[in-house]
Amino acid sequence: YLRDEKVAQQQRAYVAGLRQSAKVVLFLQEPEPIRITVKAEGFAKGRKDAPVTLVEFTDFHCPFCGRAVATLKDVMREYDGKIRWVFRDFPIASLHPRAPKAAEAARCAGEQGKFWEYHDLLFEGPSQATIEDFKRSAEQLKLDPKSFGQCLDSTKHQAAVEADIQDGA
């Protein structure tokens, strides 16, 4: 460690010397950060008045998104009361053709007060889930199968999912 630290110090001194002896002119300017207002609407966990709001755009069939769920749950636990987690849909149909329907299914579960439980089942389940799989998951959560099935078959949440995709884009 001491040897590496001495080498690093010598490198820093060498670079500083080069900068002093050279006439360096910087023409590039740091770009202004892009700030976009994102609506913190949708299914949420945490206090509405939390100092930090995290808006997540995600795809239920994306394996990377699924891995992020555990981290987000850890963050919610670690900063309990200080963070609000808002879920927004961003299914990528070109990669995951059944993901838009999964997003609709989660919204249908949300109508019965079980969005987050259904959310967890979708991320734990297979990425090639079918409509029948969505309905079985609803039964597993003891949702009313008739109203869930009607909701899912009606495509009534399709426009809301599309709106989230547009906002996310």
C-alpha atoms as a PDB file:
ATOM      1  CA  TYR A   1       0.000   0.000   0.000  1.00  0.00           C
ATOM      2  CA  LEU A   2       2.756   2.445   0.957  1.00  0.00           C
ATOM      3  CA  ARG A   3       4.685   1.713  -2.222  1.00  0.00           C
ATOM      4  CA  ASP A   4       1.570   2.151  -4.379  1.00  0.00           C
ATOM      5  CA  GLU A   5       0.733   5.370  -2.570  1.00  0.00           C
ATOM      6  CA  LYS A   6       4.245   6.744  -3.243  1.00  0.00           C
ATOM      7  CA  VAL A   7       3.973   5.815  -6.949  1.00  0.00           C
ATOM      8  CA  ALA A   8       0.563   7.494  -7.189  1.00  0.00           C
ATOM      9  CA  GLN A   9       1.928  10.628  -5.512  1.00  0.00           C
ATOM     10  CA  GLN A  10       4.841  10.750  -7.975  1.00  0.00           C
ATOM     11  CA  GLN A  11       2.427  10.344 -10.898  1.00  0.00           C
ATOM     12  CA  ARG A  12       0.251  13.201  -9.626  1.00  0.00           C
ATOM     13  CA  ALA A  13       3.333  15.414  -9.230  1.00  0.00           C
ATOM     14  CA  TYR A  14       4.518  14.513 -12.756  1.00  0.00           C
ATOM     15  CA  VAL A  15       1.126  15.345 -14.302  1.00  0.00           C
ATOM     16  CA  ALA A  16       0.939  18.610 -12.345  1.00  0.00           C
ATOM     17  CA  GLY A  17       4.405  19.544 -13.658  1.00  0.00           C
ATOM     18  CA  LEU A  18       3.341  18.807 -17.226  1.00  0.00           C
ATOM     19  CA  ARG A  19       0.267  20.984 -16.847  1.00  0.00           C
ATOM     20  CA  GLN A  20       2.328  23.890 -15.490  1.00  0.00           C
ATOM     21  CA  SER A  21       4.903  23.764 -18.262  1.00  0.00           C
ATOM     22  CA  ALA A  22       2.472  23.248 -21.140  1.00  0.00           C
ATOM     23  CA  LYS A  23       0.137  25.845 -22.535  1.00  0.00           C
ATOM     24  CA  VAL A  24      -3.115  23.966 -22.370  1.00  0.00           C
ATOM     25  CA  VAL A  25      -6.235  25.703 -23.605  1.00  0.00           C
ATOM     26  CA  LEU A  26      -9.583  24.085 -23.019  1.00  0.00           C
ATOM     27  CA  PHE A  27     -12.167  24.865 -25.668  1.00  0.00           C
ATOM     28  CA  LEU A  28     -14.766  22.402 -24.454  1.00  0.00           C
ATOM     29  CA  GLN A  29     -17.273  23.553 -21.938  1.00  0.00           C
ATOM     30  CA  GLU A  30     -19.090  21.244 -19.614  1.00  0.00           C
ATOM     31  CA  PRO A  31     -22.622  20.830 -20.939  1.00  0.00           C
ATOM     32  CA  GLU A  32     -25.566  21.983 -18.896  1.00  0.00           C
ATOM     33  CA  PRO A  33     -27.291  19.046 -17.264  1.00  0.00           C
ATOM     34  CA  ILE A  34     -30.509  17.996 -18.930  1.00  0.00           C
ATOM     35  CA  ARG A  35     -33.398  18.261 -16.534  1.00  0.00           C
ATOM     36  CA  ILE A  36     -36.758  16.814 -17.412  1.00  0.00           C
ATOM     37  CA  THR A  37     -39.772  17.029 -15.183  1.00  0.00           C
ATOM     38  CA  VAL A  38     -41.192  13.582 -14.573  1.00  0.00           C
ATOM     39  CA  LYS A  39     -44.599  13.059 -13.034  1.00  0.00           C
ATOM     40  CA  ALA A  40     -44.386  11.126  -9.784  1.00  0.00           C
ATOM     41  CA  GLU A  41     -47.759   9.528 -10.417  1.00  0.00           C
ATOM     42  CA  GLY A  42     -48.692   5.906 -10.255  1.00  0.00           C
ATOM     43  CA  PHE A  43     -48.325   3.119  -7.750  1.00  0.00           C
ATOM     44  CA  ALA A  44     -46.082   4.286  -4.933  1.00  0.00           C
ATOM     45  CA  LYS A  45     -44.507   3.108  -1.700  1.00  0.00           C
ATOM     46  CA  GLY A  46     -43.390   5.435   1.044  1.00  0.00           C
ATOM     47  CA  ARG A  47     -44.642   8.720   2.429  1.00  0.00           C
ATOM     48  CA  LYS A  48     -46.047  11.263   0.000  1.00  0.00           C
ATOM     49  CA  ASP A  49     -44.049  13.980   1.774  1.00  0.00           C
ATOM     50  CA  ALA A  50     -40.756  12.055   1.743  1.00  0.00           C
ATOM     51  CA  PRO A  51     -37.768  14.318   0.937  1.00  0.00           C
ATOM     52  CA  VAL A  52     -36.677  12.040  -1.925  1.00  0.00           C
ATOM     53  CA  THR A  53     -38.912  10.619  -4.637  1.00  0.00           C
ATOM     54  CA  LEU A  54     -37.507   7.937  -6.904  1.00  0.00           C
ATOM     55  CA  VAL A  55     -39.476   7.404 -10.118  1.00  0.00           C
ATOM     56  CA  GLU A  56     -38.687   4.056 -11.701  1.00  0.00           C
ATOM     57  CA  PHE A  57     -39.575   3.275 -15.320  1.00  0.00           C
ATOM     58  CA  THR A  58     -39.331  -0.486 -15.726  1.00  0.00           C
ATOM     59  CA  ASP A  59     -40.249  -3.582 -17.713  1.00  0.00           C
ATOM     60  CA  PHE A  60     -41.619  -6.609 -15.841  1.00  0.00           C
ATOM     61  CA  HIS A  61     -39.874  -8.997 -18.236  1.00  0.00           C
ATOM     62  CA  CYS A  62     -36.471  -7.320 -18.227  1.00  0.00           C
ATOM     63  CA  PRO A  63     -33.962  -9.436 -16.276  1.00  0.00           C
ATOM     64  CA  PHE A  64     -31.877  -6.386 -15.340  1.00  0.00           C
ATOM     65  CA  CYS A  65     -34.952  -4.579 -14.027  1.00  0.00           C
ATOM     66  CA  GLY A  66     -35.790  -7.669 -11.990  1.00  0.00           C
ATOM     67  CA  ARG A  67     -32.360  -7.602 -10.370  1.00  0.00           C
ATOM     68  CA  ALA A  68     -32.863  -3.967  -9.397  1.00  0.00           C
ATOM     69  CA  VAL A  69     -35.969  -4.779  -7.339  1.00  0.00           C
ATOM     70  CA  ALA A  70     -33.960  -6.204  -4.422  1.00  0.00           C
ATOM     71  CA  THR A  71     -31.772  -3.097  -4.361  1.00  0.00           C
ATOM     72  CA  LEU A  72     -34.791  -0.795  -4.402  1.00  0.00           C
ATOM     73  CA  LYS A  73     -36.349  -2.732  -1.536  1.00  0.00           C
ATOM     74  CA  ASP A  74     -33.090  -2.400   0.412  1.00  0.00           C
ATOM     75  CA  VAL A  75     -33.063   1.359  -0.233  1.00  0.00           C
ATOM     76  CA  MET A  76     -36.664   1.624   0.966  1.00  0.00           C
ATOM     77  CA  ARG A  77     -35.772  -0.284   4.148  1.00  0.00           C
ATOM     78  CA  GLU A  78     -32.547   1.637   4.766  1.00  0.00           C
ATOM     79  CA  TYR A  79     -34.132   5.047   4.266  1.00  0.00           C
ATOM     80  CA  ASP A  80     -37.552   4.271   5.690  1.00  0.00           C
ATOM     81  CA  GLY A  81     -39.688   7.401   5.764  1.00  0.00           C
ATOM     82  CA  LYS A  82     -37.178   9.402   3.732  1.00  0.00           C
ATOM     83  CA  ILE A  83     -37.867   8.015   0.268  1.00  0.00           C
ATOM     84  CA  ARG A  84     -40.889   7.447  -1.914  1.00  0.00           C
ATOM     85  CA  TRP A  85     -40.724   4.867  -4.722  1.00  0.00           C
ATOM     86  CA  VAL A  86     -43.035   5.516  -7.669  1.00  0.00           C
ATOM     87  CA  PHE A  87     -43.506   2.796 -10.254  1.00  0.00           C
ATOM     88  CA  ARG A  88     -43.996   3.671 -13.924  1.00  0.00           C
ATOM     89  CA  ASP A  89     -44.347   1.203 -16.778  1.00  0.00           C
ATOM     90  CA  PHE A  90     -41.769   1.007 -19.559  1.00  0.00           C
ATOM     91  CA  PRO A  91     -42.268  -2.350 -21.282  1.00  0.00           C
ATOM     92  CA  ILE A  92     -40.011  -2.813 -24.279  1.00  0.00           C
ATOM     93  CA  ALA A  93     -42.235  -4.841 -26.593  1.00  0.00           C
ATOM     94  CA  SER A  94     -39.512  -5.301 -29.215  1.00  0.00           C
ATOM     95  CA  LEU A  95     -37.454  -7.259 -26.661  1.00  0.00           C
ATOM     96  CA  HIS A  96     -40.218  -8.608 -24.418  1.00  0.00           C
ATOM     97  CA  PRO A  97     -43.418  -9.045 -26.455  1.00  0.00           C
ATOM     98  CA  ARG A  98     -45.563  -9.997 -23.452  1.00  0.00           C
ATOM     99  CA  ALA A  99     -44.313  -7.221 -21.154  1.00  0.00           C
ATOM    100  CA  PRO A 100     -47.014  -4.681 -22.126  1.00  0.00           C
ATOM    101  CA  LYS A 101     -49.701  -7.182 -21.128  1.00  0.00           C
ATOM    102  CA  ALA A 102     -47.827  -7.860 -17.875  1.00  0.00           C
ATOM    103  CA  ALA A 103     -47.976  -4.126 -17.155  1.00  0.00           C
ATOM    104  CA  GLU A 104     -51.726  -4.148 -17.766  1.00  0.00           C
ATOM    105  CA  ALA A 105     -52.085  -7.192 -15.495  1.00  0.00           C
ATOM    106  CA  ALA A 106     -50.264  -5.395 -12.673  1.00  0.00           C
ATOM    107  CA  ARG A 107     -52.625  -2.448 -13.034  1.00  0.00           C
ATOM    108  CA  CYS A 108     -55.582  -4.824 -12.901  1.00  0.00           C
ATOM    109  CA  ALA A 109     -54.176  -6.262  -9.658  1.00  0.00           C
ATOM    110  CA  GLY A 110     -53.756  -2.695  -8.444  1.00  0.00           C
ATOM    111  CA  GLU A 111     -57.490  -2.154  -8.868  1.00  0.00           C
ATOM    112  CA  GLN A 112     -57.922  -4.789  -6.171  1.00  0.00           C
ATOM    113  CA  GLY A 113     -55.242  -3.292  -3.913  1.00  0.00           C
ATOM    114  CA  LYS A 114     -52.519  -5.817  -4.714  1.00  0.00           C
ATOM    115  CA  PHE A 115     -50.251  -3.984  -7.146  1.00  0.00           C
ATOM    116  CA  TRP A 116     -47.007  -4.428  -5.209  1.00  0.00           C
ATOM    117  CA  GLU A 117     -47.657  -8.083  -4.419  1.00  0.00           C
ATOM    118  CA  TYR A 118     -48.403  -8.721  -8.101  1.00  0.00           C
ATOM    119  CA  HIS A 119     -45.346  -6.638  -9.046  1.00  0.00           C
ATOM    120  CA  ASP A 120     -43.165  -8.999  -7.004  1.00  0.00           C
ATOM    121  CA  LEU A 121     -44.744 -12.102  -8.564  1.00  0.00           C
ATOM    122  CA  LEU A 122     -44.159 -10.758 -12.070  1.00  0.00           C
ATOM    123  CA  PHE A 123     -40.492 -10.106 -11.404  1.00  0.00           C
ATOM    124  CA  GLU A 124     -40.070 -13.526  -9.792  1.00  0.00           C
ATOM    125  CA  GLY A 125     -41.899 -15.335 -12.605  1.00  0.00           C
ATOM    126  CA  PRO A 126     -40.850 -16.376 -16.089  1.00  0.00           C
ATOM    127  CA  SER A 127     -40.179 -13.616 -18.592  1.00  0.00           C
ATOM    128  CA  GLN A 128     -42.277 -15.414 -21.196  1.00  0.00           C
ATOM    129  CA  ALA A 129     -45.421 -15.487 -19.074  1.00  0.00           C
ATOM    130  CA  THR A 130     -48.720 -15.852 -20.898  1.00  0.00           C
ATOM    131  CA  ILE A 131     -52.116 -14.364 -20.173  1.00  0.00           C
ATOM    132  CA  GLU A 132     -53.011 -17.617 -18.431  1.00  0.00           C
ATOM    133  CA  ASP A 133     -49.910 -17.216 -16.252  1.00  0.00           C
ATOM    134  CA  PHE A 134     -51.037 -13.689 -15.389  1.00  0.00           C
ATOM    135  CA  LYS A 135     -54.439 -15.025 -14.367  1.00  0.00           C
ATOM    136  CA  ARG A 136     -52.860 -17.813 -12.271  1.00  0.00           C
ATOM    137  CA  SER A 137     -50.753 -15.217 -10.471  1.00  0.00           C
ATOM    138  CA  ALA A 138     -53.932 -13.288  -9.701  1.00  0.00           C
ATOM    139  CA  GLU A 139     -55.475 -16.450  -8.233  1.00  0.00           C
ATOM    140  CA  GLN A 140     -52.337 -16.996  -6.170  1.00  0.00           C
ATOM    141  CA  LEU A 141     -52.893 -13.559  -4.602  1.00  0.00           C
ATOM    142  CA  LYS A 142     -56.573 -14.397  -4.063  1.00  0.00           C
ATOM    143  CA  LEU A 143     -57.756 -11.637  -6.383  1.00  0.00           C
ATOM    144  CA  ASP A 144     -61.304 -11.853  -7.713  1.00  0.00           C
ATOM    145  CA  PRO A 145     -60.666 -13.950 -10.839  1.00  0.00           C
ATOM    146  CA  LYS A 146     -63.713 -12.736 -12.744  1.00  0.00           C
ATOM    147  CA  SER A 147     -63.017  -9.014 -12.379  1.00  0.00           C
ATOM    148  CA  PHE A 148     -59.273  -9.544 -12.931  1.00  0.00           C
ATOM    149  CA  GLY A 149     -59.946 -11.534 -16.108  1.00  0.00           C
ATOM    150  CA  GLN A 150     -62.420  -8.951 -17.392  1.00  0.00           C
ATOM    151  CA  CYS A 151     -59.961  -6.160 -16.649  1.00  0.00           C
ATOM    152  CA  LEU A 152     -57.091  -7.930 -18.403  1.00  0.00           C
ATOM    153  CA  ASP A 153     -59.173  -8.949 -21.426  1.00  0.00           C
ATOM    154  CA  SER A 154     -60.645  -5.456 -21.814  1.00  0.00           C
ATOM    155  CA  THR A 155     -57.287  -3.718 -22.420  1.00  0.00           C
ATOM    156  CA  LYS A 156     -58.628  -0.832 -20.338  1.00  0.00           C
ATOM    157  CA  HIS A 157     -55.138  -0.051 -18.991  1.00  0.00           C
ATOM    158  CA  GLN A 158     -53.396  -0.203 -22.356  1.00  0.00           C
ATOM    159  CA  ALA A 159     -53.590   3.574 -22.845  1.00  0.00           C
ATOM    160  CA  ALA A 160     -52.123   4.228 -19.366  1.00  0.00           C
ATOM    161  CA  VAL A 161     -49.219   1.872 -20.075  1.00  0.00           C
ATOM    162  CA  GLU A 162     -48.619   3.636 -23.414  1.00  0.00           C
ATOM    163  CA  ALA A 163     -48.697   7.016 -21.644  1.00  0.00           C
ATOM    164  CA  ASP A 164     -45.994   5.822 -19.224  1.00  0.00           C
ATOM    165  CA  ILE A 165     -43.885   4.645 -22.159  1.00  0.00           C
ATOM    166  CA  GLN A 166     -44.202   8.074 -23.800  1.00  0.00           C
ATOM    167  CA  ASP A 167     -43.274   9.847 -20.557  1.00  0.00           C
ATOM    168  CA  GLY A 168     -40.313   7.516 -20.076  1.00  0.00           C
ATOM    169  CA  ALA A 169     -39.088   8.069 -23.619  1.00  0.00           C
END
